[in-house]
């Protein structure tokens, strides 16, 4: 019986840790969206920001965050006015990833 209780406690801690990791990714997606909007004026959809955070392995302000913001700003400064921007950035495991970001409507 004690082994079952110990297993249940371990499962509860593992689940809590997993939820916490997802919260960090959601926060990273929010800050990625905010930084690109304020730095270079690219207002992406929330879904695009979450997809980019998941693809690049963003969990805080480490490696893939600032290179991704820089890549978006570079595309915008080139004069890319399309509804979709494609960037290539190295992810948290140093693999080159291609991410497609969709521009949000003006009211979003």
PDB file of N, CA and C in Angstrom:
ATOM      1  N   UNK A   1       0.816  -1.192   0.000  1.00  0.00           N
ATOM      2  CA  UNK A   1       0.000   0.000   0.000  1.00  0.00           C
ATOM      3  C   UNK A   1       0.860   1.256   0.000  1.00  0.00           C
ATOM      4  N   UNK A   2       1.942   1.252   0.716  1.00  0.00           N
ATOM      5  CA  UNK A   2       2.788   2.430   0.787  1.00  0.00           C
ATOM      6  C   UNK A   2       3.440   2.724  -0.564  1.00  0.00           C
ATOM      7  N   UNK A   3       3.716   1.694  -1.320  1.00  0.00           N
ATOM      8  CA  UNK A   3       4.317   1.867  -2.640  1.00  0.00           C
ATOM      9  C   UNK A   3       3.347   2.589  -3.582  1.00  0.00           C
ATOM     10  N   UNK A   4       2.057   2.299  -3.470  1.00  0.00           N
ATOM     11  CA  UNK A   4       1.058   2.972  -4.297  1.00  0.00           C
ATOM     12  C   UNK A   4       0.978   4.459  -3.958  1.00  0.00           C
ATOM     13  N   UNK A   5       1.063   4.791  -2.680  1.00  0.00           N
ATOM     14  CA  UNK A   5       1.019   6.192  -2.267  1.00  0.00           C
ATOM     15  C   UNK A   5       2.243   6.929  -2.784  1.00  0.00           C
ATOM     16  N   UNK A   6       3.415   6.293  -2.671  1.00  0.00           N
ATOM     17  CA  UNK A   6       4.641   6.893  -3.173  1.00  0.00           C
ATOM     18  C   UNK A   6       4.572   7.109  -4.686  1.00  0.00           C
ATOM     19  N   UNK A   7       4.006   6.163  -5.418  1.00  0.00           N
ATOM     20  CA  UNK A   7       3.834   6.300  -6.864  1.00  0.00           C
ATOM     21  C   UNK A   7       2.896   7.438  -7.222  1.00  0.00           C
ATOM     22  N   UNK A   8       1.822   7.586  -6.445  1.00  0.00           N
ATOM     23  CA  UNK A   8       0.868   8.672  -6.696  1.00  0.00           C
ATOM     24  C   UNK A   8       1.512  10.031  -6.452  1.00  0.00           C
ATOM     25  N   UNK A   9       2.327  10.123  -5.419  1.00  0.00           N
ATOM     26  CA  UNK A   9       3.017  11.384  -5.137  1.00  0.00           C
ATOM     27  C   UNK A   9       4.020  11.696  -6.244  1.00  0.00           C
ATOM     28  N   UNK A  10       4.744  10.692  -6.706  1.00  0.00           N
ATOM     29  CA  UNK A  10       5.701  10.901  -7.796  1.00  0.00           C
ATOM     30  C   UNK A  10       4.992  11.347  -9.066  1.00  0.00           C
ATOM     31  N   UNK A  11       3.838  10.762  -9.350  1.00  0.00           N
ATOM     32  CA  UNK A  11       3.068  11.148 -10.531  1.00  0.00           C
ATOM     33  C   UNK A  11       2.569  12.599 -10.411  1.00  0.00           C
ATOM     34  N   UNK A  12       2.155  12.985  -9.216  1.00  0.00           N
ATOM     35  CA  UNK A  12       1.690  14.358  -9.002  1.00  0.00           C
ATOM     36  C   UNK A  12       2.824  15.360  -9.221  1.00  0.00           C
ATOM     37  N   UNK A  13       4.024  15.040  -8.712  1.00  0.00           N
ATOM     38  CA  UNK A  13       5.156  15.943  -8.918  1.00  0.00           C
ATOM     39  C   UNK A  13       5.568  16.006 -10.383  1.00  0.00           C
ATOM     40  N   UNK A  14       5.531  14.883 -11.079  1.00  0.00           N
ATOM     41  CA  UNK A  14       5.893  14.875 -12.502  1.00  0.00           C
ATOM     42  C   UNK A  14       4.909  15.697 -13.315  1.00  0.00           C
ATOM     43  N   UNK A  15       3.631  15.587 -13.004  1.00  0.00           N
ATOM     44  CA  UNK A  15       2.613  16.355 -13.706  1.00  0.00           C
ATOM     45  C   UNK A  15       2.768  17.843 -13.433  1.00  0.00           C
ATOM     46  N   UNK A  16       3.049  18.191 -12.188  1.00  0.00           N
ATOM     47  CA  UNK A  16       3.237  19.608 -11.844  1.00  0.00           C
ATOM     48  C   UNK A  16       4.444  20.184 -12.568  1.00  0.00           C
ATOM     49  N   UNK A  17       5.509  19.426 -12.691  1.00  0.00           N
ATOM     50  CA  UNK A  17       6.690  19.887 -13.423  1.00  0.00           C
ATOM     51  C   UNK A  17       6.412  20.060 -14.891  1.00  0.00           C
ATOM     52  N   UNK A  18       5.613  19.179 -15.481  1.00  0.00           N
ATOM     53  CA  UNK A  18       5.269  19.279 -16.894  1.00  0.00           C
ATOM     54  C   UNK A  18       4.418  20.515 -17.151  1.00  0.00           C
ATOM     55  N   UNK A  19       3.469  20.795 -16.290  1.00  0.00           N
ATOM     56  CA  UNK A  19       2.622  21.978 -16.452  1.00  0.00           C
ATOM     57  C   UNK A  19       3.464  23.237 -16.325  1.00  0.00           C
ATOM     58  N   UNK A  20       4.422  23.229 -15.430  1.00  0.00           N
ATOM     59  CA  UNK A  20       5.272  24.395 -15.251  1.00  0.00           C
ATOM     60  C   UNK A  20       6.114  24.653 -16.502  1.00  0.00           C
ATOM     61  N   UNK A  21       6.602  23.598 -17.142  1.00  0.00           N
ATOM     62  CA  UNK A  21       7.380  23.762 -18.365  1.00  0.00           C
ATOM     63  C   UNK A  21       6.523  24.370 -19.472  1.00  0.00           C
ATOM     64  N   UNK A  22       5.260  23.970 -19.589  1.00  0.00           N
ATOM     65  CA  UNK A  22       4.373  24.539 -20.597  1.00  0.00           C
ATOM     66  C   UNK A  22       4.089  26.006 -20.311  1.00  0.00           C
ATOM     67  N   UNK A  23       4.003  26.380 -19.039  1.00  0.00           N
ATOM     68  CA  UNK A  23       3.793  27.786 -18.692  1.00  0.00           C
ATOM     69  C   UNK A  23       4.975  28.638 -19.134  1.00  0.00           C
ATOM     70  N   UNK A  24       6.190  28.114 -19.008  1.00  0.00           N
ATOM     71  CA  UNK A  24       7.365  28.867 -19.456  1.00  0.00           C
ATOM     72  C   UNK A  24       7.341  29.052 -20.961  1.00  0.00           C
ATOM     73  N   UNK A  25       6.912  28.043 -21.694  1.00  0.00           N
ATOM     74  CA  UNK A  25       6.844  28.158 -23.149  1.00  0.00           C
ATOM     75  C   UNK A  25       5.769  29.157 -23.560  1.00  0.00           C
ATOM     76  N   UNK A  26       4.658  29.175 -22.858  1.00  0.00           N
ATOM     77  CA  UNK A  26       3.600  30.137 -23.149  1.00  0.00           C
ATOM     78  C   UNK A  26       4.077  31.555 -22.860  1.00  0.00           C
ATOM     79  N   UNK A  27       4.797  31.726 -21.773  1.00  0.00           N
ATOM     80  CA  UNK A  27       5.343  33.045 -21.444  1.00  0.00           C
ATOM     81  C   UNK A  27       6.369  33.471 -22.483  1.00  0.00           C
ATOM     82  N   UNK A  28       7.208  32.539 -22.938  1.00  0.00           N
ATOM     83  CA  UNK A  28       8.194  32.859 -23.966  1.00  0.00           C
ATOM     84  C   UNK A  28       7.500  33.262 -25.266  1.00  0.00           C
ATOM     85  N   UNK A  29       6.401  32.595 -25.607  1.00  0.00           N
ATOM     86  CA  UNK A  29       5.649  32.951 -26.814  1.00  0.00           C
ATOM     87  C   UNK A  29       5.051  34.352 -26.677  1.00  0.00           C
ATOM     88  N   UNK A  30       4.541  34.677 -25.499  1.00  0.00           N
ATOM     89  CA  UNK A  30       3.977  36.007 -25.263  1.00  0.00           C
ATOM     90  C   UNK A  30       5.055  37.078 -25.408  1.00  0.00           C
ATOM     91  N   UNK A  31       6.209  36.851 -24.795  1.00  0.00           N
ATOM     92  CA  UNK A  31       7.285  37.842 -24.885  1.00  0.00           C
ATOM     93  C   UNK A  31       7.855  37.923 -26.296  1.00  0.00           C
ATOM     94  N   UNK A  32       7.913  36.813 -27.014  1.00  0.00           N
ATOM     95  CA  UNK A  32       8.363  36.817 -28.409  1.00  0.00           C
ATOM     96  C   UNK A  32       7.426  37.679 -29.246  1.00  0.00           C
ATOM     97  N   UNK A  33       6.131  37.509 -29.045  1.00  0.00           N
ATOM     98  CA  UNK A  33       5.131  38.311 -29.751  1.00  0.00           C
ATOM     99  C   UNK A  33       5.299  39.788 -29.409  1.00  0.00           C
ATOM    100  N   UNK A  34       5.461  40.092 -28.124  1.00  0.00           N
ATOM    101  CA  UNK A  34       5.578  41.482 -27.681  1.00  0.00           C
ATOM    102  C   UNK A  34       6.857  42.145 -28.183  1.00  0.00           C
ATOM    103  N   UNK A  35       7.978  41.420 -28.122  1.00  0.00           N
ATOM    104  CA  UNK A  35       9.254  41.988 -28.553  1.00  0.00           C
ATOM    105  C   UNK A  35       9.250  42.278 -30.046  1.00  0.00           C
ATOM    106  N   UNK A  36       8.740  41.354 -30.856  1.00  0.00           N
ATOM    107  CA  UNK A  36       8.730  41.591 -32.303  1.00  0.00           C
ATOM    108  C   UNK A  36       7.790  42.724 -32.668  1.00  0.00           C
ATOM    109  N   UNK A  37       6.702  42.864 -31.931  1.00  0.00           N
ATOM    110  CA  UNK A  37       5.762  43.948 -32.212  1.00  0.00           C
ATOM    111  C   UNK A  37       6.361  45.303 -31.853  1.00  0.00           C
ATOM    112  N   UNK A  38       7.042  45.371 -30.706  1.00  0.00           N
ATOM    113  CA  UNK A  38       7.600  46.665 -30.289  1.00  0.00           C
ATOM    114  C   UNK A  38       8.921  46.984 -30.983  1.00  0.00           C
ATOM    115  N   UNK A  39       9.735  45.971 -31.279  1.00  0.00           N
ATOM    116  CA  UNK A  39      11.054  46.224 -31.861  1.00  0.00           C
ATOM    117  C   UNK A  39      10.982  46.571 -33.340  1.00  0.00           C
ATOM    118  N   UNK A  40      10.168  45.830 -34.090  1.00  0.00           N
ATOM    119  CA  UNK A  40      10.173  46.074 -35.529  1.00  0.00           C
ATOM    120  C   UNK A  40       8.778  46.209 -36.130  1.00  0.00           C
ATOM    121  N   UNK A  41       7.740  46.194 -35.309  1.00  0.00           N
ATOM    122  CA  UNK A  41       6.406  46.446 -35.814  1.00  0.00           C
ATOM    123  C   UNK A  41       5.722  45.270 -36.470  1.00  0.00           C
ATOM    124  N   UNK A  42       6.242  44.054 -36.288  1.00  0.00           N
ATOM    125  CA  UNK A  42       5.592  42.883 -36.873  1.00  0.00           C
ATOM    126  C   UNK A  42       4.624  42.308 -35.849  1.00  0.00           C
ATOM    127  N   UNK A  43       3.336  42.432 -36.123  1.00  0.00           N
ATOM    128  CA  UNK A  43       2.298  41.935 -35.228  1.00  0.00           C
ATOM    129  C   UNK A  43       1.868  40.558 -35.705  1.00  0.00           C
ATOM    130  N   UNK A  44       2.427  39.521 -35.107  1.00  0.00           N
ATOM    131  CA  UNK A  44       2.089  38.149 -35.502  1.00  0.00           C
ATOM    132  C   UNK A  44       0.896  37.646 -34.702  1.00  0.00           C
ATOM    133  N   UNK A  45       0.274  36.596 -35.197  1.00  0.00           N
ATOM    134  CA  UNK A  45      -0.832  35.984 -34.467  1.00  0.00           C
ATOM    135  C   UNK A  45      -0.291  35.259 -33.242  1.00  0.00           C
ATOM    136  N   UNK A  46      -1.146  35.089 -32.258  1.00  0.00           N
ATOM    137  CA  UNK A  46      -0.743  34.374 -31.045  1.00  0.00           C
ATOM    138  C   UNK A  46      -0.409  32.918 -31.359  1.00  0.00           C
ATOM    139  N   UNK A  47      -1.128  32.330 -32.307  1.00  0.00           N
ATOM    140  CA  UNK A  47      -0.859  30.945 -32.697  1.00  0.00           C
ATOM    141  C   UNK A  47       0.527  30.812 -33.320  1.00  0.00           C
ATOM    142  N   UNK A  48       0.925  31.784 -34.122  1.00  0.00           N
ATOM    143  CA  UNK A  48       2.259  31.758 -34.728  1.00  0.00           C
ATOM    144  C   UNK A  48       3.345  31.874 -33.672  1.00  0.00           C
ATOM    145  N   UNK A  49       3.122  32.717 -32.686  1.00  0.00           N
ATOM    146  CA  UNK A  49       4.108  32.879 -31.615  1.00  0.00           C
ATOM    147  C   UNK A  49       4.244  31.601 -30.801  1.00  0.00           C
ATOM    148  N   UNK A  50       3.117  30.949 -30.503  1.00  0.00           N
ATOM    149  CA  UNK A  50       3.166  29.690 -29.751  1.00  0.00           C
ATOM    150  C   UNK A  50       3.826  28.593 -30.570  1.00  0.00           C
ATOM    151  N   UNK A  51       3.536  28.549 -31.851  1.00  0.00           N
ATOM    152  CA  UNK A  51       4.144  27.538 -32.723  1.00  0.00           C
ATOM    153  C   UNK A  51       5.651  27.753 -32.819  1.00  0.00           C
ATOM    154  N   UNK A  52       6.077  29.002 -32.921  1.00  0.00           N
ATOM    155  CA  UNK A  52       7.511  29.303 -32.984  1.00  0.00           C
ATOM    156  C   UNK A  52       8.201  28.940 -31.680  1.00  0.00           C
ATOM    157  N   UNK A  53       7.562  29.226 -30.560  1.00  0.00           N
ATOM    158  CA  UNK A  53       8.149  28.887 -29.265  1.00  0.00           C
ATOM    159  C   UNK A  53       8.283  27.379 -29.109  1.00  0.00           C
ATOM    160  N   UNK A  54       7.299  26.634 -29.578  1.00  0.00           N
ATOM    161  CA  UNK A  54       7.365  25.177 -29.485  1.00  0.00           C
ATOM    162  C   UNK A  54       8.408  24.604 -30.436  1.00  0.00           C
ATOM    163  N   UNK A  55       8.469  25.124 -31.651  1.00  0.00           N
ATOM    164  CA  UNK A  55       9.420  24.617 -32.645  1.00  0.00           C
ATOM    165  C   UNK A  55      10.857  24.906 -32.249  1.00  0.00           C
ATOM    166  N   UNK A  56      11.104  26.097 -31.748  1.00  0.00           N
ATOM    167  CA  UNK A  56      12.465  26.491 -31.405  1.00  0.00           C
ATOM    168  C   UNK A  56      12.877  26.090 -29.996  1.00  0.00           C
ATOM    169  N   UNK A  57      11.941  25.612 -29.204  1.00  0.00           N
ATOM    170  CA  UNK A  57      12.269  25.191 -27.845  1.00  0.00           C
ATOM    171  C   UNK A  57      12.508  26.350 -26.902  1.00  0.00           C
ATOM    172  N   UNK A  58      11.758  27.430 -27.102  1.00  0.00           N
ATOM    173  CA  UNK A  58      11.900  28.596 -26.229  1.00  0.00           C
ATOM    174  C   UNK A  58      11.267  28.283 -24.880  1.00  0.00           C
ATOM    175  N   UNK A  59      12.019  28.498 -23.822  1.00  0.00           N
ATOM    176  CA  UNK A  59      11.432  28.374 -22.494  1.00  0.00           C
ATOM    177  C   UNK A  59      11.766  29.591 -21.652  1.00  0.00           C
ATOM    178  N   UNK A  60      12.695  30.395 -22.103  1.00  0.00           N
ATOM    179  CA  UNK A  60      13.060  31.646 -21.431  1.00  0.00           C
ATOM    180  C   UNK A  60      13.850  32.486 -22.431  1.00  0.00           C
ATOM    181  N   UNK A  61      14.646  33.420 -21.964  1.00  0.00           N
ATOM    182  CA  UNK A  61      15.349  34.343 -22.856  1.00  0.00           C
ATOM    183  C   UNK A  61      16.717  33.825 -23.286  1.00  0.00           C
ATOM    184  N   UNK A  62      16.884  32.543 -23.437  1.00  0.00           N
ATOM    185  CA  UNK A  62      18.182  31.997 -23.828  1.00  0.00           C
ATOM    186  C   UNK A  62      18.301  31.927 -25.346  1.00  0.00           C
ATOM    187  N   UNK A  63      19.116  31.049 -25.833  1.00  0.00           N
ATOM    188  CA  UNK A  63      19.572  31.025 -27.222  1.00  0.00           C
ATOM    189  C   UNK A  63      18.541  31.314 -28.304  1.00  0.00           C
ATOM    190  N   UNK A  64      17.443  30.580 -28.452  1.00  0.00           N
ATOM    191  CA  UNK A  64      16.636  30.835 -29.655  1.00  0.00           C
ATOM    192  C   UNK A  64      15.792  32.096 -29.599  1.00  0.00           C
ATOM    193  N   UNK A  65      15.651  32.728 -28.450  1.00  0.00           N
ATOM    194  CA  UNK A  65      14.734  33.866 -28.337  1.00  0.00           C
ATOM    195  C   UNK A  65      15.222  35.089 -29.107  1.00  0.00           C
ATOM    196  N   UNK A  66      16.380  35.605 -28.751  1.00  0.00           N
ATOM    197  CA  UNK A  66      16.869  36.833 -29.387  1.00  0.00           C
ATOM    198  C   UNK A  66      17.273  36.633 -30.849  1.00  0.00           C
ATOM    199  N   UNK A  67      17.865  35.503 -31.242  1.00  0.00           N
ATOM    200  CA  UNK A  67      18.093  35.310 -32.679  1.00  0.00           C
ATOM    201  C   UNK A  67      16.798  35.265 -33.486  1.00  0.00           C
ATOM    202  N   UNK A  68      15.719  34.741 -32.892  1.00  0.00           N
ATOM    203  CA  UNK A  68      14.437  34.705 -33.599  1.00  0.00           C
ATOM    204  C   UNK A  68      13.874  36.111 -33.763  1.00  0.00           C
ATOM    205  N   UNK A  69      13.965  36.930 -32.729  1.00  0.00           N
ATOM    206  CA  UNK A  69      13.506  38.321 -32.820  1.00  0.00           C
ATOM    207  C   UNK A  69      14.329  39.065 -33.870  1.00  0.00           C
ATOM    208  N   UNK A  70      15.635  38.844 -33.868  1.00  0.00           N
ATOM    209  CA  UNK A  70      16.515  39.492 -34.846  1.00  0.00           C
ATOM    210  C   UNK A  70      16.172  39.056 -36.263  1.00  0.00           C
ATOM    211  N   UNK A  71      15.874  37.771 -36.459  1.00  0.00           N
ATOM    212  CA  UNK A  71      15.529  37.271 -37.794  1.00  0.00           C
ATOM    213  C   UNK A  71      14.223  37.887 -38.292  1.00  0.00           C
ATOM    214  N   UNK A  72      13.246  38.032 -37.407  1.00  0.00           N
ATOM    215  CA  UNK A  72      11.976  38.653 -37.803  1.00  0.00           C
ATOM    216  C   UNK A  72      12.203  40.115 -38.175  1.00  0.00           C
ATOM    217  N   UNK A  73      12.962  40.829 -37.359  1.00  0.00           N
ATOM    218  CA  UNK A  73      13.220  42.243 -37.645  1.00  0.00           C
ATOM    219  C   UNK A  73      14.016  42.417 -38.936  1.00  0.00           C
ATOM    220  N   UNK A  74      14.918  41.501 -39.226  1.00  0.00           N
ATOM    221  CA  UNK A  74      15.678  41.556 -40.473  1.00  0.00           C
ATOM    222  C   UNK A  74      14.757  41.397 -41.674  1.00  0.00           C
ATOM    223  N   UNK A  75      13.812  40.460 -41.592  1.00  0.00           N
ATOM    224  CA  UNK A  75      12.865  40.267 -42.694  1.00  0.00           C
ATOM    225  C   UNK A  75      11.975  41.491 -42.879  1.00  0.00           C
ATOM    226  N   UNK A  76      11.554  42.089 -41.785  1.00  0.00           N
ATOM    227  CA  UNK A  76      10.693  43.277 -41.875  1.00  0.00           C
ATOM    228  C   UNK A  76      11.473  44.443 -42.466  1.00  0.00           C
ATOM    229  N   UNK A  77      12.720  44.623 -42.050  1.00  0.00           N
ATOM    230  CA  UNK A  77      13.534  45.741 -42.549  1.00  0.00           C
ATOM    231  C   UNK A  77      13.906  45.565 -44.018  1.00  0.00           C
ATOM    232  N   UNK A  78      13.892  44.319 -44.517  1.00  0.00           N
ATOM    233  CA  UNK A  78      14.132  44.088 -45.947  1.00  0.00           C
ATOM    234  C   UNK A  78      12.987  44.606 -46.790  1.00  0.00           C
ATOM    235  N   UNK A  79      11.863  44.868 -46.149  1.00  0.00           N
ATOM    236  CA  UNK A  79      10.705  45.350 -46.895  1.00  0.00           C
ATOM    237  C   UNK A  79       9.694  44.264 -47.161  1.00  0.00           C
ATOM    238  N   UNK A  80       9.766  43.167 -46.426  1.00  0.00           N
ATOM    239  CA  UNK A  80       8.826  42.073 -46.602  1.00  0.00           C
ATOM    240  C   UNK A  80       7.476  42.466 -46.014  1.00  0.00           C
ATOM    241  N   UNK A  81       6.522  42.786 -46.863  1.00  0.00           N
ATOM    242  CA  UNK A  81       5.195  43.235 -46.426  1.00  0.00           C
ATOM    243  C   UNK A  81       4.146  42.140 -46.573  1.00  0.00           C
ATOM    244  N   UNK A  82       4.562  40.908 -46.806  1.00  0.00           N
ATOM    245  CA  UNK A  82       3.602  39.831 -47.021  1.00  0.00           C
ATOM    246  C   UNK A  82       2.923  39.426 -45.721  1.00  0.00           C
ATOM    247  N   UNK A  83       1.884  38.616 -45.834  1.00  0.00           N
ATOM    248  CA  UNK A  83       1.130  38.170 -44.663  1.00  0.00           C
ATOM    249  C   UNK A  83       1.844  37.067 -43.906  1.00  0.00           C
ATOM    250  N   UNK A  84       2.824  36.442 -44.534  1.00  0.00           N
ATOM    251  CA  UNK A  84       3.560  35.337 -43.919  1.00  0.00           C
ATOM    252  C   UNK A  84       5.051  35.601 -44.063  1.00  0.00           C
ATOM    253  N   UNK A  85       5.775  35.441 -42.966  1.00  0.00           N
ATOM    254  CA  UNK A  85       7.231  35.590 -42.973  1.00  0.00           C
ATOM    255  C   UNK A  85       7.844  34.256 -42.579  1.00  0.00           C
ATOM    256  N   UNK A  86       8.840  33.833 -43.327  1.00  0.00           N
ATOM    257  CA  UNK A  86       9.578  32.605 -42.992  1.00  0.00           C
ATOM    258  C   UNK A  86      10.959  32.992 -42.489  1.00  0.00           C
ATOM    259  N   UNK A  87      11.319  32.467 -41.325  1.00  0.00           N
ATOM    260  CA  UNK A  87      12.642  32.718 -40.769  1.00  0.00           C
ATOM    261  C   UNK A  87      13.323  31.378 -40.519  1.00  0.00           C
ATOM    262  N   UNK A  88      14.649  31.400 -40.522  1.00  0.00           N
ATOM    263  CA  UNK A  88      15.439  30.220 -40.180  1.00  0.00           C
ATOM    264  C   UNK A  88      16.316  30.564 -38.989  1.00  0.00           C
ATOM    265  N   UNK A  89      16.134  29.822 -37.906  1.00  0.00           N
ATOM    266  CA  UNK A  89      16.835  30.087 -36.658  1.00  0.00           C
ATOM    267  C   UNK A  89      17.280  28.756 -36.065  1.00  0.00           C
ATOM    268  N   UNK A  90      18.413  28.779 -35.384  1.00  0.00           N
ATOM    269  CA  UNK A  90      18.866  27.581 -34.667  1.00  0.00           C
ATOM    270  C   UNK A  90      18.046  27.431 -33.394  1.00  0.00           C
ATOM    271  N   UNK A  91      17.578  26.203 -33.134  1.00  0.00           N
ATOM    272  CA  UNK A  91      16.762  25.961 -31.948  1.00  0.00           C
ATOM    273  C   UNK A  91      17.632  25.708 -30.727  1.00  0.00           C
ATOM    274  N   UNK A  92      17.022  25.294 -29.633  1.00  0.00           N
ATOM    275  CA  UNK A  92      17.744  25.090 -28.379  1.00  0.00           C
ATOM    276  C   UNK A  92      18.724  23.920 -28.458  1.00  0.00           C
ATOM    277  N   UNK A  93      18.580  23.052 -29.458  1.00  0.00           N
ATOM    278  CA  UNK A  93      19.507  21.934 -29.662  1.00  0.00           C
ATOM    279  C   UNK A  93      20.494  22.201 -30.786  1.00  0.00           C
ATOM    280  N   UNK A  94      20.568  23.450 -31.226  1.00  0.00           N
ATOM    281  CA  UNK A  94      21.503  23.922 -32.258  1.00  0.00           C
ATOM    282  C   UNK A  94      21.215  23.340 -33.639  1.00  0.00           C
ATOM    283  N   UNK A  95      19.972  22.971 -33.894  1.00  0.00           N
ATOM    284  CA  UNK A  95      19.571  22.521 -35.221  1.00  0.00           C
ATOM    285  C   UNK A  95      18.856  23.677 -35.923  1.00  0.00           C
ATOM    286  N   UNK A  96      19.115  23.852 -37.199  1.00  0.00           N
ATOM    287  CA  UNK A  96      18.511  24.943 -37.957  1.00  0.00           C
ATOM    288  C   UNK A  96      17.056  24.601 -38.262  1.00  0.00           C
ATOM    289  N   UNK A  97      16.144  25.448 -37.835  1.00  0.00           N
ATOM    290  CA  UNK A  97      14.709  25.235 -38.023  1.00  0.00           C
ATOM    291  C   UNK A  97      14.112  26.360 -38.840  1.00  0.00           C
ATOM    292  N   UNK A  98      13.141  26.024 -39.660  1.00  0.00           N
ATOM    293  CA  UNK A  98      12.409  27.011 -40.439  1.00  0.00           C
ATOM    294  C   UNK A  98      11.052  27.208 -39.765  1.00  0.00           C
ATOM    295  N   UNK A  99      10.722  28.449 -39.484  1.00  0.00           N
ATOM    296  CA  UNK A  99       9.474  28.788 -38.807  1.00  0.00           C
ATOM    297  C   UNK A  99       8.697  29.766 -39.677  1.00  0.00           C
ATOM    298  N   UNK A 100       7.412  29.516 -39.835  1.00  0.00           N
ATOM    299  CA  UNK A 100       6.539  30.396 -40.594  1.00  0.00           C
ATOM    300  C   UNK A 100       5.685  31.184 -39.616  1.00  0.00           C
ATOM    301  N   UNK A 101       5.728  32.500 -39.733  1.00  0.00           N
ATOM    302  CA  UNK A 101       4.976  33.387 -38.850  1.00  0.00           C
ATOM    303  C   UNK A 101       3.933  34.132 -39.663  1.00  0.00           C
ATOM    304  N   UNK A 102       2.713  34.095 -39.189  1.00  0.00           N
ATOM    305  CA  UNK A 102       1.604  34.741 -39.889  1.00  0.00           C
ATOM    306  C   UNK A 102       1.315  36.096 -39.263  1.00  0.00           C
ATOM    307  N   UNK A 103       1.128  37.081 -40.095  1.00  0.00           N
ATOM    308  CA  UNK A 103       0.834  38.439 -39.620  1.00  0.00           C
ATOM    309  C   UNK A 103      -0.617  38.505 -39.164  1.00  0.00           C
ATOM    310  N   UNK A 104      -0.838  39.158 -38.022  1.00  0.00           N
ATOM    311  CA  UNK A 104      -2.193  39.313 -37.492  1.00  0.00           C
ATOM    312  C   UNK A 104      -2.902  40.461 -38.187  1.00  0.00           C
ATOM    313  N   UNK A 105      -4.191  40.445 -38.101  1.00  0.00           N
ATOM    314  CA  UNK A 105      -4.985  41.561 -38.642  1.00  0.00           C
ATOM    315  C   UNK A 105      -4.724  42.793 -37.791  1.00  0.00           C
ATOM    316  N   UNK A 106      -5.052  43.954 -38.274  1.00  0.00           N
ATOM    317  CA  UNK A 106      -4.725  45.192 -37.568  1.00  0.00           C
ATOM    318  C   UNK A 106      -5.472  45.317 -36.246  1.00  0.00           C
ATOM    319  N   UNK A 107      -6.626  44.668 -36.090  1.00  0.00           N
ATOM    320  CA  UNK A 107      -7.397  44.788 -34.855  1.00  0.00           C
ATOM    321  C   UNK A 107      -7.037  43.737 -33.818  1.00  0.00           C
ATOM    322  N   UNK A 108      -6.180  42.792 -34.165  1.00  0.00           N
ATOM    323  CA  UNK A 108      -5.825  41.725 -33.225  1.00  0.00           C
ATOM    324  C   UNK A 108      -4.681  42.124 -32.355  1.00  0.00           C
TER     325      UNK A 108
END
